[in-house]
Amino acid sequence: MVLSATGLVSFRLLTSENPSTIAANIALAFPEAYGTNVNVLIATGLILFIVTFLVNALARWIVSRRAEFSGAN
């Protein structure tokens, strides 16, 4: 899932029209990147990290909140 079969890179990362994941876009574009494009790919990786962190933090909060009411320890 990390590397897509297509080499198509789209600026619409979060739409259904894009056949690749954000991680695949970073991995496929990084070897040819130079200058500002490297900074854009690193910023995209940082955004991916932040989104992943927020989703995991939200999931942990929901699970810990449910654990209080379930009675199971």
C-alpha atoms as a PDB file:
ATOM      1  CA  MET A   1       0.000   0.000   0.000  1.00  0.00           C
ATOM      2  CA  VAL A   2       2.941   2.330   0.502  1.00  0.00           C
ATOM      3  CA  LEU A   3       4.099   2.273  -3.109  1.00  0.00           C
ATOM      4  CA  SER A   4       1.458   2.543  -5.760  1.00  0.00           C
ATOM      5  CA  ALA A   5       1.756   0.899  -9.148  1.00  0.00           C
ATOM      6  CA  THR A   6       1.345   4.232 -10.888  1.00  0.00           C
ATOM      7  CA  GLY A   7       3.913   6.992 -11.012  1.00  0.00           C
ATOM      8  CA  LEU A   8       1.186   9.628 -11.218  1.00  0.00           C
ATOM      9  CA  VAL A   9       1.554  12.401  -8.673  1.00  0.00           C
ATOM     10  CA  SER A  10      -1.442  14.638  -8.127  1.00  0.00           C
ATOM     11  CA  PHE A  11      -1.792  17.793  -6.078  1.00  0.00           C
ATOM     12  CA  ARG A  12      -5.227  16.608  -4.946  1.00  0.00           C
ATOM     13  CA  LEU A  13      -3.935  14.294  -2.236  1.00  0.00           C
ATOM     14  CA  LEU A  14      -7.096  13.824  -0.218  1.00  0.00           C
ATOM     15  CA  THR A  15      -9.608  13.187  -2.999  1.00  0.00           C
ATOM     16  CA  SER A  16     -10.900   9.984  -4.519  1.00  0.00           C
ATOM     17  CA  GLU A  17      -9.374  10.973  -7.882  1.00  0.00           C
ATOM     18  CA  ASN A  18      -5.835  10.368  -6.605  1.00  0.00           C
ATOM     19  CA  PRO A  19      -4.771   6.713  -7.053  1.00  0.00           C
ATOM     20  CA  SER A  20      -1.894   6.950  -4.544  1.00  0.00           C
ATOM     21  CA  THR A  21      -1.559   7.461  -0.823  1.00  0.00           C
ATOM     22  CA  ILE A  22       0.321  10.409   0.660  1.00  0.00           C
ATOM     23  CA  ALA A  23       3.170   8.103   1.681  1.00  0.00           C
ATOM     24  CA  ALA A  24       3.369   6.717  -1.865  1.00  0.00           C
ATOM     25  CA  ASN A  25       3.544  10.228  -3.301  1.00  0.00           C
ATOM     26  CA  ILE A  26       6.444  11.049  -0.982  1.00  0.00           C
ATOM     27  CA  ALA A  27       8.297   7.804  -1.701  1.00  0.00           C
ATOM     28  CA  LEU A  28       7.893   8.027  -5.476  1.00  0.00           C
ATOM     29  CA  ALA A  29       8.808  11.705  -5.796  1.00  0.00           C
ATOM     30  CA  PHE A  30      11.698  11.898  -3.328  1.00  0.00           C
ATOM     31  CA  PRO A  31      14.513  10.399  -5.488  1.00  0.00           C
ATOM     32  CA  GLU A  32      14.025  13.014  -8.234  1.00  0.00           C
ATOM     33  CA  ALA A  33      13.356  15.928  -5.891  1.00  0.00           C
ATOM     34  CA  TYR A  34      15.781  18.796  -5.423  1.00  0.00           C
ATOM     35  CA  GLY A  35      15.645  22.300  -3.993  1.00  0.00           C
ATOM     36  CA  THR A  36      12.226  23.400  -2.882  1.00  0.00           C
ATOM     37  CA  ASN A  37      10.605  20.117  -3.873  1.00  0.00           C
ATOM     38  CA  VAL A  38      12.514  18.354  -1.087  1.00  0.00           C
ATOM     39  CA  ASN A  39      11.116  20.879   1.394  1.00  0.00           C
ATOM     40  CA  VAL A  40       7.591  20.291   0.066  1.00  0.00           C
ATOM     41  CA  LEU A  41       7.957  16.529   0.467  1.00  0.00           C
ATOM     42  CA  ILE A  42       9.320  16.905   3.990  1.00  0.00           C
ATOM     43  CA  ALA A  43       6.433  19.229   4.884  1.00  0.00           C
ATOM     44  CA  THR A  44       4.003  16.684   3.436  1.00  0.00           C
ATOM     45  CA  GLY A  45       5.591  14.012   5.633  1.00  0.00           C
ATOM     46  CA  LEU A  46       5.212  16.276   8.654  1.00  0.00           C
ATOM     47  CA  ILE A  47       1.535  16.807   7.847  1.00  0.00           C
ATOM     48  CA  LEU A  48       1.087  13.041   7.492  1.00  0.00           C
ATOM     49  CA  PHE A  49       2.745  12.559  10.894  1.00  0.00           C
ATOM     50  CA  ILE A  50       0.491  15.161  12.529  1.00  0.00           C
ATOM     51  CA  VAL A  51      -2.675  13.636  11.045  1.00  0.00           C
ATOM     52  CA  THR A  52      -1.585  10.160  12.172  1.00  0.00           C
ATOM     53  CA  PHE A  53      -0.772  11.441  15.657  1.00  0.00           C
ATOM     54  CA  LEU A  54      -4.160  13.160  15.984  1.00  0.00           C
ATOM     55  CA  VAL A  55      -6.075  10.081  14.841  1.00  0.00           C
ATOM     56  CA  ASN A  56      -4.168   7.889  17.301  1.00  0.00           C
ATOM     57  CA  ALA A  57      -4.653  10.377  20.150  1.00  0.00           C
ATOM     58  CA  LEU A  58      -8.386  10.538  19.433  1.00  0.00           C
ATOM     59  CA  ALA A  59      -8.623   6.733  19.351  1.00  0.00           C
ATOM     60  CA  ARG A  60      -6.761   6.425  22.666  1.00  0.00           C
ATOM     61  CA  TRP A  61      -9.051   9.019  24.240  1.00  0.00           C
ATOM     62  CA  ILE A  62     -12.163   7.163  23.059  1.00  0.00           C
ATOM     63  CA  VAL A  63     -10.857   3.798  24.270  1.00  0.00           C
ATOM     64  CA  SER A  64      -9.839   5.165  27.678  1.00  0.00           C
ATOM     65  CA  ARG A  65     -13.186   6.903  28.046  1.00  0.00           C
ATOM     66  CA  ARG A  66     -15.058   3.681  27.264  1.00  0.00           C
ATOM     67  CA  ALA A  67     -12.879   1.713  29.706  1.00  0.00           C
ATOM     68  CA  GLU A  68     -14.248   3.810  32.604  1.00  0.00           C
ATOM     69  CA  PHE A  69     -17.812   2.764  31.867  1.00  0.00           C
ATOM     70  CA  SER A  70     -17.201  -0.884  30.947  1.00  0.00           C
ATOM     71  CA  GLY A  71     -15.937  -1.970  34.364  1.00  0.00           C
ATOM     72  CA  ALA A  72     -13.235  -4.125  32.777  1.00  0.00           C
ATOM     73  CA  ASN A  73      -9.664  -3.475  33.844  1.00  0.00           C
END
